[in-house]
mmCIF file of all heavy atoms, coordinates in Angstrom:
data_MODEL
# 
_entry.id   MODEL 
# 
loop_
_atom_site.group_PDB 
_atom_site.id 
_atom_site.type_symbol 
_atom_site.label_atom_id 
_atom_site.label_alt_id 
_atom_site.label_comp_id 
_atom_site.label_asym_id 
_atom_site.label_entity_id 
_atom_site.label_seq_id 
_atom_site.pdbx_PDB_ins_code 
_atom_site.Cartn_x 
_atom_site.Cartn_y 
_atom_site.Cartn_z 
_atom_site.occupancy 
_atom_site.B_iso_or_equiv 
_atom_site.pdbx_formal_charge 
_atom_site.auth_seq_id 
_atom_site.auth_comp_id 
_atom_site.auth_asym_id 
_atom_site.auth_atom_id 
_atom_site.pdbx_PDB_model_num 
ATOM 1   N N   . PHE A 1 1  ? -1.565  -7.799  -6.358  1.00 0.00 ? 1  PHE A N   1 
ATOM 2   C CA  . PHE A 1 1  ? -1.857  -6.366  -6.346  1.00 0.00 ? 1  PHE A CA  1 
ATOM 3   C C   . PHE A 1 1  ? -2.301  -5.872  -7.727  1.00 0.00 ? 1  PHE A C   1 
ATOM 4   O O   . PHE A 1 1  ? -3.269  -5.104  -7.845  1.00 0.00 ? 1  PHE A O   1 
ATOM 5   C CB  . PHE A 1 1  ? -0.614  -5.599  -5.888  1.00 0.00 ? 1  PHE A CB  1 
ATOM 6   C CG  . PHE A 1 1  ? -0.756  -4.108  -5.909  1.00 0.00 ? 1  PHE A CG  1 
ATOM 7   C CD1 . PHE A 1 1  ? -1.438  -3.444  -4.892  1.00 0.00 ? 1  PHE A CD1 1 
ATOM 8   C CD2 . PHE A 1 1  ? -0.215  -3.362  -6.949  1.00 0.00 ? 1  PHE A CD2 1 
ATOM 9   C CE1 . PHE A 1 1  ? -1.572  -2.069  -4.922  1.00 0.00 ? 1  PHE A CE1 1 
ATOM 10  C CE2 . PHE A 1 1  ? -0.347  -1.975  -6.973  1.00 0.00 ? 1  PHE A CE2 1 
ATOM 11  C CZ  . PHE A 1 1  ? -1.027  -1.338  -5.964  1.00 0.00 ? 1  PHE A CZ  1 
ATOM 12  N N   . HIS A 1 2  ? -1.607  -6.321  -8.798  1.00 0.00 ? 2  HIS A N   1 
ATOM 13  C CA  . HIS A 1 2  ? -1.894  -5.805  -10.135 1.00 0.00 ? 2  HIS A CA  1 
ATOM 14  C C   . HIS A 1 2  ? -3.179  -6.362  -10.732 1.00 0.00 ? 2  HIS A C   1 
ATOM 15  O O   . HIS A 1 2  ? -3.615  -5.919  -11.796 1.00 0.00 ? 2  HIS A O   1 
ATOM 16  C CB  . HIS A 1 2  ? -0.719  -6.113  -11.062 1.00 0.00 ? 2  HIS A CB  1 
ATOM 17  C CG  . HIS A 1 2  ? 0.550   -5.440  -10.658 1.00 0.00 ? 2  HIS A CG  1 
ATOM 18  N ND1 . HIS A 1 2  ? 0.698   -4.079  -10.671 1.00 0.00 ? 2  HIS A ND1 1 
ATOM 19  C CD2 . HIS A 1 2  ? 1.723   -5.952  -10.201 1.00 0.00 ? 2  HIS A CD2 1 
ATOM 20  C CE1 . HIS A 1 2  ? 1.916   -3.761  -10.258 1.00 0.00 ? 2  HIS A CE1 1 
ATOM 21  N NE2 . HIS A 1 2  ? 2.559   -4.885  -9.953  1.00 0.00 ? 2  HIS A NE2 1 
ATOM 22  N N   . THR A 1 3  ? -3.773  -7.342  -10.046 1.00 0.00 ? 3  THR A N   1 
ATOM 23  C CA  . THR A 1 3  ? -5.028  -7.905  -10.564 1.00 0.00 ? 3  THR A CA  1 
ATOM 24  C C   . THR A 1 3  ? -6.249  -7.123  -10.081 1.00 0.00 ? 3  THR A C   1 
ATOM 25  O O   . THR A 1 3  ? -7.380  -7.421  -10.495 1.00 0.00 ? 3  THR A O   1 
ATOM 26  C CB  . THR A 1 3  ? -5.179  -9.377  -10.131 1.00 0.00 ? 3  THR A CB  1 
ATOM 27  O OG1 . THR A 1 3  ? -5.389  -9.439  -8.713  1.00 0.00 ? 3  THR A OG1 1 
ATOM 28  C CG2 . THR A 1 3  ? -3.948  -10.184 -10.516 1.00 0.00 ? 3  THR A CG2 1 
ATOM 29  N N   . TYR A 1 4  ? -6.045  -6.148  -9.200  1.00 0.00 ? 4  TYR A N   1 
ATOM 30  C CA  . TYR A 1 4  ? -7.156  -5.376  -8.648  1.00 0.00 ? 4  TYR A CA  1 
ATOM 31  C C   . TYR A 1 4  ? -7.429  -4.135  -9.493  1.00 0.00 ? 4  TYR A C   1 
ATOM 32  O O   . TYR A 1 4  ? -6.561  -3.657  -10.230 1.00 0.00 ? 4  TYR A O   1 
ATOM 33  C CB  . TYR A 1 4  ? -6.865  -4.969  -7.203  1.00 0.00 ? 4  TYR A CB  1 
ATOM 34  C CG  . TYR A 1 4  ? -6.502  -6.134  -6.285  1.00 0.00 ? 4  TYR A CG  1 
ATOM 35  C CD1 . TYR A 1 4  ? -5.582  -5.981  -5.261  1.00 0.00 ? 4  TYR A CD1 1 
ATOM 36  C CD2 . TYR A 1 4  ? -7.110  -7.374  -6.451  1.00 0.00 ? 4  TYR A CD2 1 
ATOM 37  C CE1 . TYR A 1 4  ? -5.259  -7.039  -4.427  1.00 0.00 ? 4  TYR A CE1 1 
ATOM 38  C CE2 . TYR A 1 4  ? -6.804  -8.446  -5.622  1.00 0.00 ? 4  TYR A CE2 1 
ATOM 39  C CZ  . TYR A 1 4  ? -5.866  -8.272  -4.616  1.00 0.00 ? 4  TYR A CZ  1 
ATOM 40  O OH  . TYR A 1 4  ? -5.553  -9.326  -3.805  1.00 0.00 ? 4  TYR A OH  1 
ATOM 41  N N   . SER A 1 5  ? -8.597  -3.573  -9.308  1.00 0.00 ? 5  SER A N   1 
ATOM 42  C CA  . SER A 1 5  ? -8.962  -2.337  -10.023 1.00 0.00 ? 5  SER A CA  1 
ATOM 43  C C   . SER A 1 5  ? -8.120  -1.184  -9.526  1.00 0.00 ? 5  SER A C   1 
ATOM 44  O O   . SER A 1 5  ? -7.499  -1.244  -8.460  1.00 0.00 ? 5  SER A O   1 
ATOM 45  C CB  . SER A 1 5  ? -10.446 -2.027  -9.804  1.00 0.00 ? 5  SER A CB  1 
ATOM 46  O OG  . SER A 1 5  ? -10.676 -1.692  -8.436  1.00 0.00 ? 5  SER A OG  1 
ATOM 47  N N   . GLU A 1 6  ? -8.087  -0.090  -10.293 1.00 0.00 ? 6  GLU A N   1 
ATOM 48  C CA  . GLU A 1 6  ? -7.303  1.091   -9.907  1.00 0.00 ? 6  GLU A CA  1 
ATOM 49  C C   . GLU A 1 6  ? -7.745  1.627   -8.553  1.00 0.00 ? 6  GLU A C   1 
ATOM 50  O O   . GLU A 1 6  ? -6.916  2.043   -7.733  1.00 0.00 ? 6  GLU A O   1 
ATOM 51  C CB  . GLU A 1 6  ? -7.428  2.172   -10.978 1.00 0.00 ? 6  GLU A CB  1 
ATOM 52  C CG  . GLU A 1 6  ? -6.711  1.832   -12.280 1.00 0.00 ? 6  GLU A CG  1 
ATOM 53  C CD  . GLU A 1 6  ? -6.773  2.990   -13.272 1.00 0.00 ? 6  GLU A CD  1 
ATOM 54  O OE1 . GLU A 1 6  ? -7.306  4.069   -12.895 1.00 0.00 ? 6  GLU A OE1 1 
ATOM 55  O OE2 . GLU A 1 6  ? -6.280  2.818   -14.384 1.00 0.00 ? 6  GLU A OE2 1 
ATOM 56  N N   . GLN A 1 7  ? -9.045  1.605   -8.313  1.00 0.00 ? 7  GLN A N   1 
ATOM 57  C CA  . GLN A 1 7  ? -9.550  2.126   -7.049  1.00 0.00 ? 7  GLN A CA  1 
ATOM 58  C C   . GLN A 1 7  ? -9.090  1.248   -5.883  1.00 0.00 ? 7  GLN A C   1 
ATOM 59  O O   . GLN A 1 7  ? -8.659  1.755   -4.852  1.00 0.00 ? 7  GLN A O   1 
ATOM 60  C CB  . GLN A 1 7  ? -11.084 2.197   -7.081  1.00 0.00 ? 7  GLN A CB  1 
ATOM 61  C CG  . GLN A 1 7  ? -11.717 2.710   -5.797  1.00 0.00 ? 7  GLN A CG  1 
ATOM 62  C CD  . GLN A 1 7  ? -11.280 4.132   -5.446  1.00 0.00 ? 7  GLN A CD  1 
ATOM 63  O OE1 . GLN A 1 7  ? -11.044 4.974   -6.336  1.00 0.00 ? 7  GLN A OE1 1 
ATOM 64  N NE2 . GLN A 1 7  ? -11.156 4.426   -4.153  1.00 0.00 ? 7  GLN A NE2 1 
ATOM 65  N N   . THR A 1 8  ? -9.174  -0.091  -6.080  1.00 0.00 ? 8  THR A N   1 
ATOM 66  C CA  . THR A 1 8  ? -8.747  -1.009  -5.019  1.00 0.00 ? 8  THR A CA  1 
ATOM 67  C C   . THR A 1 8  ? -7.245  -0.897  -4.778  1.00 0.00 ? 8  THR A C   1 
ATOM 68  O O   . THR A 1 8  ? -6.779  -0.933  -3.630  1.00 0.00 ? 8  THR A O   1 
ATOM 69  C CB  . THR A 1 8  ? -9.124  -2.452  -5.367  1.00 0.00 ? 8  THR A CB  1 
ATOM 70  O OG1 . THR A 1 8  ? -10.533 -2.535  -5.525  1.00 0.00 ? 8  THR A OG1 1 
ATOM 71  C CG2 . THR A 1 8  ? -8.684  -3.421  -4.290  1.00 0.00 ? 8  THR A CG2 1 
ATOM 72  N N   . GLN A 1 9  ? -6.471  -0.724  -5.870  1.00 0.00 ? 9  GLN A N   1 
ATOM 73  C CA  . GLN A 1 9  ? -5.021  -0.557  -5.719  1.00 0.00 ? 9  GLN A CA  1 
ATOM 74  C C   . GLN A 1 9  ? -4.707  0.705   -4.914  1.00 0.00 ? 9  GLN A C   1 
ATOM 75  O O   . GLN A 1 9  ? -3.816  0.717   -4.054  1.00 0.00 ? 9  GLN A O   1 
ATOM 76  C CB  . GLN A 1 9  ? -4.347  -0.481  -7.089  1.00 0.00 ? 9  GLN A CB  1 
ATOM 77  C CG  . GLN A 1 9  ? -4.309  -1.796  -7.831  1.00 0.00 ? 9  GLN A CG  1 
ATOM 78  C CD  . GLN A 1 9  ? -3.533  -1.710  -9.123  1.00 0.00 ? 9  GLN A CD  1 
ATOM 79  O OE1 . GLN A 1 9  ? -2.591  -0.924  -9.225  1.00 0.00 ? 9  GLN A OE1 1 
ATOM 80  N NE2 . GLN A 1 9  ? -3.933  -2.511  -10.110 1.00 0.00 ? 9  GLN A NE2 1 
ATOM 81  N N   . LYS A 1 10 ? -5.462  1.788   -5.194  1.00 0.00 ? 10 LYS A N   1 
ATOM 82  C CA  . LYS A 1 10 ? -5.231  3.045   -4.474  1.00 0.00 ? 10 LYS A CA  1 
ATOM 83  C C   . LYS A 1 10 ? -5.537  2.875   -2.994  1.00 0.00 ? 10 LYS A C   1 
ATOM 84  O O   . LYS A 1 10 ? -4.765  3.313   -2.123  1.00 0.00 ? 10 LYS A O   1 
ATOM 85  C CB  . LYS A 1 10 ? -6.120  4.133   -5.078  1.00 0.00 ? 10 LYS A CB  1 
ATOM 86  C CG  . LYS A 1 10 ? -5.973  5.489   -4.392  1.00 0.00 ? 10 LYS A CG  1 
ATOM 87  C CD  . LYS A 1 10 ? -6.901  6.515   -5.018  1.00 0.00 ? 10 LYS A CD  1 
ATOM 88  C CE  . LYS A 1 10 ? -6.781  7.853   -4.282  1.00 0.00 ? 10 LYS A CE  1 
ATOM 89  N NZ  . LYS A 1 10 ? -7.711  8.877   -4.839  1.00 0.00 ? 10 LYS A NZ  1 
ATOM 90  N N   . GLU A 1 11 ? -6.648  2.225   -2.701  1.00 0.00 ? 11 GLU A N   1 
ATOM 91  C CA  . GLU A 1 11 ? -7.034  2.004   -1.307  1.00 0.00 ? 11 GLU A CA  1 
ATOM 92  C C   . GLU A 1 11 ? -6.008  1.108   -0.597  1.00 0.00 ? 11 GLU A C   1 
ATOM 93  O O   . GLU A 1 11 ? -5.661  1.340   0.574   1.00 0.00 ? 11 GLU A O   1 
ATOM 94  C CB  . GLU A 1 11 ? -8.422  1.369   -1.260  1.00 0.00 ? 11 GLU A CB  1 
ATOM 95  C CG  . GLU A 1 11 ? -9.527  2.307   -1.723  1.00 0.00 ? 11 GLU A CG  1 
ATOM 96  C CD  . GLU A 1 11 ? -10.875 1.596   -1.826  1.00 0.00 ? 11 GLU A CD  1 
ATOM 97  O OE1 . GLU A 1 11 ? -10.892 0.365   -1.616  1.00 0.00 ? 11 GLU A OE1 1 
ATOM 98  O OE2 . GLU A 1 11 ? -11.880 2.282   -2.115  1.00 0.00 ? 11 GLU A OE2 1 
ATOM 99  N N   . PHE A 1 12 ? -5.561  0.099   -1.308  1.00 0.00 ? 12 PHE A N   1 
ATOM 100 C CA  . PHE A 1 12 ? -4.574  -0.814  -0.712  1.00 0.00 ? 12 PHE A CA  1 
ATOM 101 C C   . PHE A 1 12 ? -3.278  -0.059  -0.401  1.00 0.00 ? 12 PHE A C   1 
ATOM 102 O O   . PHE A 1 12 ? -2.689  -0.239  0.673   1.00 0.00 ? 12 PHE A O   1 
ATOM 103 C CB  . PHE A 1 12 ? -4.279  -1.980  -1.656  1.00 0.00 ? 12 PHE A CB  1 
ATOM 104 C CG  . PHE A 1 12 ? -3.303  -2.985  -1.095  1.00 0.00 ? 12 PHE A CG  1 
ATOM 105 C CD1 . PHE A 1 12 ? -3.730  -4.091  -0.394  1.00 0.00 ? 12 PHE A CD1 1 
ATOM 106 C CD2 . PHE A 1 12 ? -1.927  -2.801  -1.249  1.00 0.00 ? 12 PHE A CD2 1 
ATOM 107 C CE1 . PHE A 1 12 ? -2.840  -5.005  0.129   1.00 0.00 ? 12 PHE A CE1 1 
ATOM 108 C CE2 . PHE A 1 12 ? -1.017  -3.694  -0.715  1.00 0.00 ? 12 PHE A CE2 1 
ATOM 109 C CZ  . PHE A 1 12 ? -1.472  -4.810  -0.016  1.00 0.00 ? 12 PHE A CZ  1 
ATOM 110 N N   . LYS A 1 13 ? -2.813  0.774   -1.348  1.00 0.00 ? 13 LYS A N   1 
ATOM 111 C CA  . LYS A 1 13 ? -1.564  1.506   -1.149  1.00 0.00 ? 13 LYS A CA  1 
ATOM 112 C C   . LYS A 1 13 ? -1.654  2.443   0.041   1.00 0.00 ? 13 LYS A C   1 
ATOM 113 O O   . LYS A 1 13 ? -0.720  2.555   0.839   1.00 0.00 ? 13 LYS A O   1 
ATOM 114 C CB  . LYS A 1 13 ? -1.192  2.261   -2.411  1.00 0.00 ? 13 LYS A CB  1 
ATOM 115 C CG  . LYS A 1 13 ? 0.204   2.875   -2.384  1.00 0.00 ? 13 LYS A CG  1 
ATOM 116 C CD  . LYS A 1 13 ? 0.531   3.525   -3.704  1.00 0.00 ? 13 LYS A CD  1 
ATOM 117 C CE  . LYS A 1 13 ? 1.968   4.034   -3.726  1.00 0.00 ? 13 LYS A CE  1 
ATOM 118 N NZ  . LYS A 1 13 ? 2.309   4.907   -2.591  1.00 0.00 ? 13 LYS A NZ  1 
ATOM 119 N N   . GLU A 1 14 ? -2.791  3.109   0.185   1.00 0.00 ? 14 GLU A N   1 
ATOM 120 C CA  . GLU A 1 14 ? -2.970  4.030   1.323   1.00 0.00 ? 14 GLU A CA  1 
ATOM 121 C C   . GLU A 1 14 ? -2.946  3.247   2.635   1.00 0.00 ? 14 GLU A C   1 
ATOM 122 O O   . GLU A 1 14 ? -2.343  3.675   3.620   1.00 0.00 ? 14 GLU A O   1 
ATOM 123 C CB  . GLU A 1 14 ? -4.296  4.783   1.173   1.00 0.00 ? 14 GLU A CB  1 
ATOM 124 C CG  . GLU A 1 14 ? -4.279  5.790   0.027   1.00 0.00 ? 14 GLU A CG  1 
ATOM 125 C CD  . GLU A 1 14 ? -5.643  6.417   -0.187  1.00 0.00 ? 14 GLU A CD  1 
ATOM 126 O OE1 . GLU A 1 14 ? -6.627  5.937   0.449   1.00 0.00 ? 14 GLU A OE1 1 
ATOM 127 O OE2 . GLU A 1 14 ? -5.739  7.379   -0.975  1.00 0.00 ? 14 GLU A OE2 1 
ATOM 128 N N   . TRP A 1 15 ? -3.632  2.114   2.635   1.00 0.00 ? 15 TRP A N   1 
ATOM 129 C CA  . TRP A 1 15 ? -3.638  1.279   3.849   1.00 0.00 ? 15 TRP A CA  1 
ATOM 130 C C   . TRP A 1 15 ? -2.234  0.761   4.173   1.00 0.00 ? 15 TRP A C   1 
ATOM 131 O O   . TRP A 1 15 ? -1.791  0.791   5.321   1.00 0.00 ? 15 TRP A O   1 
ATOM 132 C CB  . TRP A 1 15 ? -4.587  0.106   3.625   1.00 0.00 ? 15 TRP A CB  1 
ATOM 133 C CG  . TRP A 1 15 ? -4.447  -0.978  4.673   1.00 0.00 ? 15 TRP A CG  1 
ATOM 134 C CD1 . TRP A 1 15 ? -5.023  -1.010  5.898   1.00 0.00 ? 15 TRP A CD1 1 
ATOM 135 C CD2 . TRP A 1 15 ? -3.639  -2.156  4.564   1.00 0.00 ? 15 TRP A CD2 1 
ATOM 136 N NE1 . TRP A 1 15 ? -4.636  -2.139  6.584   1.00 0.00 ? 15 TRP A NE1 1 
ATOM 137 C CE2 . TRP A 1 15 ? -3.776  -2.860  5.781   1.00 0.00 ? 15 TRP A CE2 1 
ATOM 138 C CE3 . TRP A 1 15 ? -2.815  -2.671  3.574   1.00 0.00 ? 15 TRP A CE3 1 
ATOM 139 C CZ2 . TRP A 1 15 ? -3.119  -4.061  6.030   1.00 0.00 ? 15 TRP A CZ2 1 
ATOM 140 C CZ3 . TRP A 1 15 ? -2.164  -3.874  3.819   1.00 0.00 ? 15 TRP A CZ3 1 
ATOM 141 C CH2 . TRP A 1 15 ? -2.312  -4.553  5.033   1.00 0.00 ? 15 TRP A CH2 1 
ATOM 142 N N   . TYR A 1 16 ? -1.525  0.301   3.132   1.00 0.00 ? 16 TYR A N   1 
ATOM 143 C CA  . TYR A 1 16 ? -0.183  -0.271  3.323   1.00 0.00 ? 16 TYR A CA  1 
ATOM 144 C C   . TYR A 1 16 ? 0.789   0.774   3.849   1.00 0.00 ? 16 TYR A C   1 
ATOM 145 O O   . TYR A 1 16 ? 1.562   0.520   4.789   1.00 0.00 ? 16 TYR A O   1 
ATOM 146 C CB  . TYR A 1 16 ? 0.321   -0.847  2.000   1.00 0.00 ? 16 TYR A CB  1 
ATOM 147 C CG  . TYR A 1 16 ? 1.651   -1.572  2.117   1.00 0.00 ? 16 TYR A CG  1 
ATOM 148 C CD1 . TYR A 1 16 ? 1.692   -2.951  2.313   1.00 0.00 ? 16 TYR A CD1 1 
ATOM 149 C CD2 . TYR A 1 16 ? 2.868   -0.883  2.048   1.00 0.00 ? 16 TYR A CD2 1 
ATOM 150 C CE1 . TYR A 1 16 ? 2.901   -3.622  2.428   1.00 0.00 ? 16 TYR A CE1 1 
ATOM 151 C CE2 . TYR A 1 16 ? 4.078   -1.543  2.170   1.00 0.00 ? 16 TYR A CE2 1 
ATOM 152 C CZ  . TYR A 1 16 ? 4.090   -2.913  2.358   1.00 0.00 ? 16 TYR A CZ  1 
ATOM 153 O OH  . TYR A 1 16 ? 5.292   -3.576  2.480   1.00 0.00 ? 16 TYR A OH  1 
ATOM 154 N N   . ASP A 1 17 ? 0.799   1.982   3.250   1.00 0.00 ? 17 ASP A N   1 
ATOM 155 C CA  . ASP A 1 17 ? 1.740   3.033   3.680   1.00 0.00 ? 17 ASP A CA  1 
ATOM 156 C C   . ASP A 1 17 ? 1.489   3.461   5.115   1.00 0.00 ? 17 ASP A C   1 
ATOM 157 O O   . ASP A 1 17 ? 2.414   3.842   5.830   1.00 0.00 ? 17 ASP A O   1 
ATOM 158 C CB  . ASP A 1 17 ? 1.638   4.230   2.739   1.00 0.00 ? 17 ASP A CB  1 
ATOM 159 C CG  . ASP A 1 17 ? 2.212   3.937   1.369   1.00 0.00 ? 17 ASP A CG  1 
ATOM 160 O OD1 . ASP A 1 17 ? 2.950   2.932   1.244   1.00 0.00 ? 17 ASP A OD1 1 
ATOM 161 O OD2 . ASP A 1 17 ? 1.914   4.688   0.429   1.00 0.00 ? 17 ASP A OD2 1 
ATOM 162 N N   . ALA A 1 18 ? 0.207   3.400   5.536   1.00 0.00 ? 18 ALA A N   1 
ATOM 163 C CA  . ALA A 1 18 ? -0.101  3.763   6.916   1.00 0.00 ? 18 ALA A CA  1 
ATOM 164 C C   . ALA A 1 18 ? 0.362   2.677   7.891   1.00 0.00 ? 18 ALA A C   1 
ATOM 165 O O   . ALA A 1 18 ? 0.869   2.964   8.980   1.00 0.00 ? 18 ALA A O   1 
ATOM 166 C CB  . ALA A 1 18 ? -1.614  3.975   7.061   1.00 0.00 ? 18 ALA A CB  1 
ATOM 167 N N   . LYS A 1 19 ? 0.215   1.418   7.480   1.00 0.00 ? 19 LYS A N   1 
ATOM 168 C CA  . LYS A 1 19 ? 0.600   0.312   8.361   1.00 0.00 ? 19 LYS A CA  1 
ATOM 169 C C   . LYS A 1 19 ? 2.098   0.080   8.376   1.00 0.00 ? 19 LYS A C   1 
ATOM 170 O O   . LYS A 1 19 ? 2.684   -0.259  9.406   1.00 0.00 ? 19 LYS A O   1 
ATOM 171 C CB  . LYS A 1 19 ? -0.117  -0.963  7.913   1.00 0.00 ? 19 LYS A CB  1 
ATOM 172 C CG  . LYS A 1 19 ? 0.131   -2.170  8.829   1.00 0.00 ? 19 LYS A CG  1 
ATOM 173 C CD  . LYS A 1 19 ? -0.723  -3.346  8.437   1.00 0.00 ? 19 LYS A CD  1 
ATOM 174 C CE  . LYS A 1 19 ? -0.470  -4.556  9.341   1.00 0.00 ? 19 LYS A CE  1 
ATOM 175 N NZ  . LYS A 1 19 ? -0.870  -4.277  10.743  1.00 0.00 ? 19 LYS A NZ  1 
ATOM 176 N N   . TYR A 1 20 ? 2.751   0.285   7.223   1.00 0.00 ? 20 TYR A N   1 
ATOM 177 C CA  . TYR A 1 20 ? 4.190   0.036   7.104   1.00 0.00 ? 20 TYR A CA  1 
ATOM 178 C C   . TYR A 1 20 ? 4.896   1.274   6.563   1.00 0.00 ? 20 TYR A C   1 
ATOM 179 O O   . TYR A 1 20 ? 5.268   1.331   5.385   1.00 0.00 ? 20 TYR A O   1 
ATOM 180 C CB  . TYR A 1 20 ? 4.461   -1.149  6.165   1.00 0.00 ? 20 TYR A CB  1 
ATOM 181 C CG  . TYR A 1 20 ? 3.757   -2.437  6.554   1.00 0.00 ? 20 TYR A CG  1 
ATOM 182 C CD1 . TYR A 1 20 ? 2.658   -2.878  5.805   1.00 0.00 ? 20 TYR A CD1 1 
ATOM 183 C CD2 . TYR A 1 20 ? 4.177   -3.196  7.640   1.00 0.00 ? 20 TYR A CD2 1 
ATOM 184 C CE1 . TYR A 1 20 ? 2.012   -4.058  6.155   1.00 0.00 ? 20 TYR A CE1 1 
ATOM 185 C CE2 . TYR A 1 20 ? 3.531   -4.365  7.985   1.00 0.00 ? 20 TYR A CE2 1 
ATOM 186 C CZ  . TYR A 1 20 ? 2.445   -4.786  7.240   1.00 0.00 ? 20 TYR A CZ  1 
ATOM 187 O OH  . TYR A 1 20 ? 1.799   -5.957  7.577   1.00 0.00 ? 20 TYR A OH  1 
ATOM 188 N N   . PRO A 1 21 ? 5.038   2.319   7.386   1.00 0.00 ? 21 PRO A N   1 
ATOM 189 C CA  . PRO A 1 21 ? 5.690   3.552   6.904   1.00 0.00 ? 21 PRO A CA  1 
ATOM 190 C C   . PRO A 1 21 ? 7.125   3.272   6.455   1.00 0.00 ? 21 PRO A C   1 
ATOM 191 O O   . PRO A 1 21 ? 7.861   2.546   7.143   1.00 0.00 ? 21 PRO A O   1 
ATOM 192 C CB  . PRO A 1 21 ? 5.660   4.470   8.123   1.00 0.00 ? 21 PRO A CB  1 
ATOM 193 C CG  . PRO A 1 21 ? 5.452   3.565   9.299   1.00 0.00 ? 21 PRO A CG  1 
ATOM 194 C CD  . PRO A 1 21 ? 4.656   2.403   8.798   1.00 0.00 ? 21 PRO A CD  1 
ATOM 195 N N   . PRO A 1 22 ? 7.545   3.798   5.307   1.00 0.00 ? 22 PRO A N   1 
ATOM 196 C CA  . PRO A 1 22 ? 8.884   3.527   4.752   1.00 0.00 ? 22 PRO A CA  1 
ATOM 197 C C   . PRO A 1 22 ? 10.028  3.842   5.711   1.00 0.00 ? 22 PRO A C   1 
ATOM 198 O O   . PRO A 1 22 ? 11.057  3.186   5.721   1.00 0.00 ? 22 PRO A O   1 
ATOM 199 C CB  . PRO A 1 22 ? 8.935   4.426   3.513   1.00 0.00 ? 22 PRO A CB  1 
ATOM 200 C CG  . PRO A 1 22 ? 7.496   4.634   3.143   1.00 0.00 ? 22 PRO A CG  1 
ATOM 201 C CD  . PRO A 1 22 ? 6.752   4.663   4.430   1.00 0.00 ? 22 PRO A CD  1 
ATOM 202 N N   . SER A 1 23 ? 9.858   4.836   6.556   1.00 0.00 ? 23 SER A N   1 
ATOM 203 C CA  . SER A 1 23 ? 10.936  5.221   7.477   1.00 0.00 ? 23 SER A CA  1 
ATOM 204 C C   . SER A 1 23 ? 11.166  4.185   8.564   1.00 0.00 ? 23 SER A C   1 
ATOM 205 O O   . SER A 1 23 ? 12.235  4.113   9.153   1.00 0.00 ? 23 SER A O   1 
ATOM 206 C CB  . SER A 1 23 ? 10.607  6.576   8.113   1.00 0.00 ? 23 SER A CB  1 
ATOM 207 O OG  . SER A 1 23 ? 9.375   6.491   8.835   1.00 0.00 ? 23 SER A OG  1 
ATOM 208 N N   . LYS A 1 24 ? 10.151  3.347   8.808   1.00 0.00 ? 24 LYS A N   1 
ATOM 209 C CA  . LYS A 1 24 ? 10.255  2.380   9.892   1.00 0.00 ? 24 LYS A CA  1 
ATOM 210 C C   . LYS A 1 24 ? 10.643  0.990   9.396   1.00 0.00 ? 24 LYS A C   1 
ATOM 211 O O   . LYS A 1 24 ? 11.426  0.283   10.028  1.00 0.00 ? 24 LYS A O   1 
ATOM 212 C CB  . LYS A 1 24 ? 8.921   2.314   10.635  1.00 0.00 ? 24 LYS A CB  1 
ATOM 213 C CG  . LYS A 1 24 ? 8.939   1.344   11.818  1.00 0.00 ? 24 LYS A CG  1 
ATOM 214 C CD  . LYS A 1 24 ? 7.598   1.342   12.533  1.00 0.00 ? 24 LYS A CD  1 
ATOM 215 C CE  . LYS A 1 24 ? 7.614   0.371   13.708  1.00 0.00 ? 24 LYS A CE  1 
ATOM 216 N NZ  . LYS A 1 24 ? 6.297   0.325   14.396  1.00 0.00 ? 24 LYS A NZ  1 
ATOM 217 N N   . PHE A 1 25 ? 10.099  0.589   8.250   1.00 0.00 ? 25 PHE A N   1 
ATOM 218 C CA  . PHE A 1 25 ? 10.329  -0.765  7.764   1.00 0.00 ? 25 PHE A CA  1 
ATOM 219 C C   . PHE A 1 25 ? 11.214  -0.746  6.532   1.00 0.00 ? 25 PHE A C   1 
ATOM 220 O O   . PHE A 1 25 ? 10.809  -0.280  5.464   1.00 0.00 ? 25 PHE A O   1 
ATOM 221 C CB  . PHE A 1 25 ? 8.992   -1.446  7.432   1.00 0.00 ? 25 PHE A CB  1 
ATOM 222 C CG  . PHE A 1 25 ? 8.108   -1.639  8.627   1.00 0.00 ? 25 PHE A CG  1 
ATOM 223 C CD1 . PHE A 1 25 ? 7.091   -0.733  8.895   1.00 0.00 ? 25 PHE A CD1 1 
ATOM 224 C CD2 . PHE A 1 25 ? 8.295   -2.712  9.479   1.00 0.00 ? 25 PHE A CD2 1 
ATOM 225 C CE1 . PHE A 1 25 ? 6.270   -0.901  9.998   1.00 0.00 ? 25 PHE A CE1 1 
ATOM 226 C CE2 . PHE A 1 25 ? 7.482   -2.875  10.577  1.00 0.00 ? 25 PHE A CE2 1 
ATOM 227 C CZ  . PHE A 1 25 ? 6.466   -1.971  10.851  1.00 0.00 ? 25 PHE A CZ  1 
ATOM 228 N N   . LYS A 1 26 ? 12.429  -1.199  6.707   1.00 0.00 ? 26 LYS A N   1 
ATOM 229 C CA  . LYS A 1 26 ? 13.384  -1.262  5.607   1.00 0.00 ? 26 LYS A CA  1 
ATOM 230 C C   . LYS A 1 26 ? 13.965  -2.673  5.516   1.00 0.00 ? 26 LYS A C   1 
ATOM 231 O O   . LYS A 1 26 ? 14.218  -3.317  6.530   1.00 0.00 ? 26 LYS A O   1 
ATOM 232 C CB  . LYS A 1 26 ? 14.513  -0.257  5.789   1.00 0.00 ? 26 LYS A CB  1 
ATOM 233 C CG  . LYS A 1 26 ? 14.075  1.196   5.654   1.00 0.00 ? 26 LYS A CG  1 
ATOM 234 C CD  . LYS A 1 26 ? 15.268  2.139   5.747   1.00 0.00 ? 26 LYS A CD  1 
ATOM 235 C CE  . LYS A 1 26 ? 14.824  3.580   5.567   1.00 0.00 ? 26 LYS A CE  1 
ATOM 236 N NZ  . LYS A 1 26 ? 15.989  4.509   5.659   1.00 0.00 ? 26 LYS A NZ  1 
ATOM 237 N N   . MET A 1 27 ? 14.181  -3.131  4.307   1.00 0.00 ? 27 MET A N   1 
ATOM 238 C CA  . MET A 1 27 ? 14.804  -4.437  4.100   1.00 0.00 ? 27 MET A CA  1 
ATOM 239 C C   . MET A 1 27 ? 16.248  -4.392  4.543   1.00 0.00 ? 27 MET A C   1 
ATOM 240 O O   . MET A 1 27 ? 16.977  -3.441  4.231   1.00 0.00 ? 27 MET A O   1 
ATOM 241 C CB  . MET A 1 27 ? 14.737  -4.826  2.616   1.00 0.00 ? 27 MET A CB  1 
ATOM 242 C CG  . MET A 1 27 ? 15.342  -6.180  2.299   1.00 0.00 ? 27 MET A CG  1 
ATOM 243 S SD  . MET A 1 27 ? 14.399  -7.566  2.928   1.00 0.00 ? 27 MET A SD  1 
ATOM 244 C CE  . MET A 1 27 ? 13.018  -7.577  1.778   1.00 0.00 ? 27 MET A CE  1 
# 
């Protein structure tokens, strides 16, 4: 994740939060 550009990191985070909402997926 940290090897990507700021823009790619932002896009990845938005995609990840939509696919794995914190309220649903907990360790």
